[in-house]
Amino acid sequence: MELAKKTTILFSEALHKRLKRIAEQRGVSLGQLVRSACVQQYGLVSTSDQLAAVDALGALMLPVGTPAEMKQETVENPSELMP
């Protein structure tokens, strides 16, 4: 990835220390840690990568019932059951 733009971000002292510690633990720079977090949160994923992920999920053999079976398992008014 070519780095072509510079941005200045101000962190609190506590957050800066925490991020630096995490970066050191992972063996990366603070800048790389922040870039990775931005990509993970806001994404730079191509459409083909997204479609491949959808295909991979669709190929999973998960224990999911039919829509009728799932409807029978549904609890009405679940918020009333929660404390």
N, C-alpha and C. Protein backbone atom coordinates (compact mmCIF):
# COMPACT_ATOMS: atom_id res chain seq x y z
N MET A 1 0.84 -1.17 0.00
CA MET A 1 0.00 0.00 0.00
C MET A 1 0.89 1.24 0.00
N GLU A 2 0.69 2.09 -0.98
CA GLU A 2 1.45 3.33 -1.05
C GLU A 2 0.85 4.34 -0.09
N LEU A 3 1.70 4.94 0.72
CA LEU A 3 1.24 5.96 1.66
C LEU A 3 1.45 7.32 1.01
N ALA A 4 0.33 8.00 0.71
CA ALA A 4 0.43 9.23 -0.06
C ALA A 4 -0.14 10.45 0.65
N LYS A 5 -0.93 10.26 1.67
CA LYS A 5 -1.57 11.38 2.37
C LYS A 5 -1.21 11.33 3.85
N LYS A 6 -1.06 12.50 4.43
CA LYS A 6 -0.71 12.59 5.84
C LYS A 6 -1.85 13.25 6.60
N THR A 7 -2.17 12.68 7.76
CA THR A 7 -3.21 13.23 8.62
C THR A 7 -2.67 13.30 10.03
N THR A 8 -2.95 14.38 10.72
CA THR A 8 -2.54 14.52 12.11
C THR A 8 -3.76 14.25 12.99
N ILE A 9 -3.58 13.36 13.95
CA ILE A 9 -4.66 13.01 14.87
C ILE A 9 -4.16 13.26 16.28
N LEU A 10 -4.96 13.94 17.07
CA LEU A 10 -4.61 14.18 18.47
C LEU A 10 -5.34 13.18 19.35
N PHE A 11 -4.58 12.49 20.22
CA PHE A 11 -5.13 11.53 21.16
C PHE A 11 -4.94 12.05 22.57
N SER A 12 -5.77 11.59 23.49
CA SER A 12 -5.51 11.88 24.90
C SER A 12 -4.24 11.14 25.29
N GLU A 13 -3.64 11.55 26.38
CA GLU A 13 -2.42 10.90 26.84
C GLU A 13 -2.67 9.42 27.11
N ALA A 14 -3.78 9.11 27.76
CA ALA A 14 -4.08 7.71 28.12
C ALA A 14 -4.29 6.86 26.87
N LEU A 15 -5.03 7.37 25.89
CA LEU A 15 -5.27 6.60 24.67
C LEU A 15 -3.98 6.40 23.89
N HIS A 16 -3.16 7.44 23.82
CA HIS A 16 -1.88 7.34 23.11
C HIS A 16 -1.01 6.26 23.74
N LYS A 17 -0.92 6.24 25.07
CA LYS A 17 -0.11 5.22 25.74
C LYS A 17 -0.65 3.83 25.45
N ARG A 18 -1.97 3.69 25.50
CA ARG A 18 -2.58 2.38 25.25
C ARG A 18 -2.30 1.91 23.82
N LEU A 19 -2.48 2.80 22.85
CA LEU A 19 -2.24 2.44 21.46
C LEU A 19 -0.78 2.10 21.20
N LYS A 20 0.12 2.86 21.80
CA LYS A 20 1.55 2.57 21.63
C LYS A 20 1.89 1.21 22.22
N ARG A 21 1.30 0.89 23.37
CA ARG A 21 1.56 -0.41 24.01
C ARG A 21 1.04 -1.54 23.13
N ILE A 22 -0.15 -1.38 22.56
CA ILE A 22 -0.71 -2.40 21.69
C ILE A 22 0.16 -2.56 20.44
N ALA A 23 0.59 -1.44 19.88
CA ALA A 23 1.44 -1.49 18.69
C ALA A 23 2.74 -2.23 19.00
N GLU A 24 3.35 -1.94 20.13
CA GLU A 24 4.59 -2.61 20.51
C GLU A 24 4.36 -4.11 20.69
N GLN A 25 3.24 -4.49 21.32
CA GLN A 25 2.94 -5.90 21.53
C GLN A 25 2.77 -6.63 20.20
N ARG A 26 2.22 -5.94 19.22
CA ARG A 26 1.98 -6.55 17.91
C ARG A 26 3.18 -6.41 16.97
N GLY A 27 4.16 -5.65 17.39
CA GLY A 27 5.35 -5.49 16.58
C GLY A 27 5.14 -4.61 15.35
N VAL A 28 4.25 -3.63 15.48
CA VAL A 28 3.98 -2.70 14.37
C VAL A 28 4.11 -1.27 14.89
N SER A 29 4.17 -0.33 13.96
CA SER A 29 4.22 1.07 14.36
C SER A 29 2.83 1.53 14.78
N LEU A 30 2.79 2.63 15.49
CA LEU A 30 1.51 3.22 15.88
C LEU A 30 0.71 3.59 14.64
N GLY A 31 1.39 4.12 13.62
CA GLY A 31 0.71 4.48 12.38
C GLY A 31 0.08 3.27 11.71
N GLN A 32 0.81 2.15 11.67
CA GLN A 32 0.27 0.93 11.06
C GLN A 32 -0.91 0.41 11.86
N LEU A 33 -0.84 0.49 13.17
CA LEU A 33 -1.95 0.06 14.01
C LEU A 33 -3.21 0.86 13.70
N VAL A 34 -3.06 2.18 13.60
CA VAL A 34 -4.21 3.05 13.32
C VAL A 34 -4.73 2.80 11.91
N ARG A 35 -3.83 2.64 10.92
CA ARG A 35 -4.28 2.36 9.56
C ARG A 35 -5.06 1.05 9.50
N SER A 36 -4.55 0.02 10.16
CA SER A 36 -5.23 -1.27 10.17
C SER A 36 -6.61 -1.16 10.81
N ALA A 37 -6.70 -0.42 11.89
CA ALA A 37 -7.99 -0.23 12.56
C ALA A 37 -8.98 0.49 11.65
N CYS A 38 -8.49 1.49 10.92
CA CYS A 38 -9.36 2.23 10.00
C CYS A 38 -9.86 1.32 8.87
N VAL A 39 -8.97 0.52 8.32
CA VAL A 39 -9.37 -0.40 7.25
C VAL A 39 -10.38 -1.40 7.77
N GLN A 40 -10.12 -1.94 8.97
CA GLN A 40 -11.04 -2.92 9.54
C GLN A 40 -12.40 -2.29 9.82
N GLN A 41 -12.42 -1.09 10.34
CA GLN A 41 -13.68 -0.45 10.71
C GLN A 41 -14.43 0.09 9.50
N TYR A 42 -13.72 0.74 8.57
CA TYR A 42 -14.38 1.44 7.48
C TYR A 42 -14.17 0.79 6.12
N GLY A 43 -13.28 -0.17 6.08
CA GLY A 43 -13.10 -1.03 4.92
C GLY A 43 -12.55 -0.40 3.67
N LEU A 44 -11.71 -1.15 3.03
CA LEU A 44 -11.19 -0.86 1.71
C LEU A 44 -11.26 -2.16 0.93
N VAL A 45 -12.39 -2.82 1.01
CA VAL A 45 -12.55 -4.13 0.40
C VAL A 45 -13.18 -3.98 -0.97
N SER A 46 -12.61 -4.65 -1.94
CA SER A 46 -13.13 -4.57 -3.30
C SER A 46 -14.46 -5.32 -3.41
N THR A 47 -15.22 -4.98 -4.42
CA THR A 47 -16.49 -5.66 -4.66
C THR A 47 -16.28 -7.15 -4.89
N SER A 48 -15.22 -7.51 -5.61
CA SER A 48 -14.96 -8.93 -5.86
C SER A 48 -14.64 -9.67 -4.56
N ASP A 49 -13.92 -9.02 -3.64
CA ASP A 49 -13.65 -9.64 -2.34
C ASP A 49 -14.93 -9.80 -1.54
N GLN A 50 -15.81 -8.80 -1.61
CA GLN A 50 -17.08 -8.89 -0.90
C GLN A 50 -17.93 -10.03 -1.45
N LEU A 51 -17.99 -10.15 -2.78
CA LEU A 51 -18.76 -11.23 -3.39
C LEU A 51 -18.18 -12.59 -3.06
N ALA A 52 -16.86 -12.68 -3.01
CA ALA A 52 -16.21 -13.94 -2.64
C ALA A 52 -16.57 -14.33 -1.20
N ALA A 53 -16.64 -13.34 -0.32
CA ALA A 53 -17.02 -13.61 1.07
C ALA A 53 -18.46 -14.09 1.15
N VAL A 54 -19.34 -13.49 0.37
CA VAL A 54 -20.75 -13.92 0.35
C VAL A 54 -20.83 -15.36 -0.16
N ASP A 55 -20.09 -15.67 -1.21
CA ASP A 55 -20.09 -17.04 -1.74
C ASP A 55 -19.57 -18.03 -0.70
N ALA A 56 -18.51 -17.66 0.01
CA ALA A 56 -17.95 -18.53 1.04
C ALA A 56 -18.96 -18.77 2.16
N LEU A 57 -19.67 -17.73 2.56
CA LEU A 57 -20.69 -17.89 3.60
C LEU A 57 -21.82 -18.78 3.10
N GLY A 58 -22.21 -18.58 1.85
CA GLY A 58 -23.28 -19.38 1.27
C GLY A 58 -22.93 -20.84 1.16
N ALA A 59 -21.65 -21.16 1.05
CA ALA A 59 -21.20 -22.54 0.91
C ALA A 59 -21.11 -23.28 2.24
N LEU A 60 -21.21 -22.55 3.35
CA LEU A 60 -21.12 -23.19 4.66
C LEU A 60 -22.33 -24.09 4.90
N MET A 61 -22.09 -25.21 5.50
CA MET A 61 -23.17 -26.14 5.86
C MET A 61 -23.52 -25.90 7.33
N LEU A 62 -24.40 -24.95 7.56
CA LEU A 62 -24.77 -24.58 8.93
C LEU A 62 -26.08 -25.25 9.33
N PRO A 63 -26.24 -25.55 10.61
CA PRO A 63 -27.46 -26.20 11.08
C PRO A 63 -28.63 -25.21 11.17
N VAL A 64 -29.16 -24.84 10.03
CA VAL A 64 -30.25 -23.87 9.99
C VAL A 64 -31.47 -24.58 9.41
N GLY A 65 -32.60 -24.40 10.09
CA GLY A 65 -33.83 -25.02 9.63
C GLY A 65 -34.47 -24.24 8.49
N THR A 66 -35.58 -24.76 8.05
CA THR A 66 -36.35 -24.08 7.02
C THR A 66 -36.98 -22.83 7.63
N PRO A 67 -37.47 -21.89 6.81
CA PRO A 67 -38.15 -20.73 7.38
C PRO A 67 -39.32 -21.12 8.28
N ALA A 68 -40.06 -22.15 7.93
CA ALA A 68 -41.19 -22.58 8.76
C ALA A 68 -40.70 -23.10 10.11
N GLU A 69 -39.61 -23.87 10.10
CA GLU A 69 -39.06 -24.39 11.36
C GLU A 69 -38.54 -23.26 12.24
N MET A 70 -37.88 -22.29 11.62
CA MET A 70 -37.36 -21.16 12.40
C MET A 70 -38.50 -20.35 12.99
N LYS A 71 -39.59 -20.20 12.25
CA LYS A 71 -40.74 -19.45 12.76
C LYS A 71 -41.32 -20.15 13.99
N GLN A 72 -41.35 -21.48 13.99
CA GLN A 72 -41.86 -22.23 15.13
C GLN A 72 -40.96 -22.05 16.36
N GLU A 73 -39.68 -21.82 16.13
CA GLU A 73 -38.73 -21.64 17.24
C GLU A 73 -38.69 -20.21 17.76
N THR A 74 -39.34 -19.30 17.07
CA THR A 74 -39.30 -17.89 17.43
C THR A 74 -40.12 -17.63 18.68
N VAL A 75 -39.60 -16.82 19.56
CA VAL A 75 -40.29 -16.44 20.79
C VAL A 75 -40.98 -15.10 20.54
N GLU A 76 -42.27 -15.05 20.82
CA GLU A 76 -42.98 -13.79 20.66
C GLU A 76 -42.64 -12.86 21.82
N ASN A 77 -42.52 -11.60 21.53
CA ASN A 77 -42.23 -10.56 22.53
C ASN A 77 -41.03 -10.93 23.42
N PRO A 78 -39.86 -11.15 22.82
CA PRO A 78 -38.71 -11.58 23.62
C PRO A 78 -38.31 -10.55 24.67
N SER A 79 -38.57 -9.27 24.43
CA SER A 79 -38.19 -8.26 25.40
C SER A 79 -38.94 -8.44 26.73
N GLU A 80 -40.12 -9.05 26.67
CA GLU A 80 -40.88 -9.29 27.89
C GLU A 80 -40.25 -10.40 28.74
N LEU A 81 -39.45 -11.24 28.11
CA LEU A 81 -38.79 -12.34 28.84
C LEU A 81 -37.49 -11.92 29.47
N MET A 82 -36.94 -10.79 29.02
CA MET A 82 -35.64 -10.34 29.53
C MET A 82 -35.83 -9.58 30.82
N PRO A 83 -34.90 -9.77 31.75
CA PRO A 83 -35.01 -9.04 33.04
C PRO A 83 -34.80 -7.55 32.86
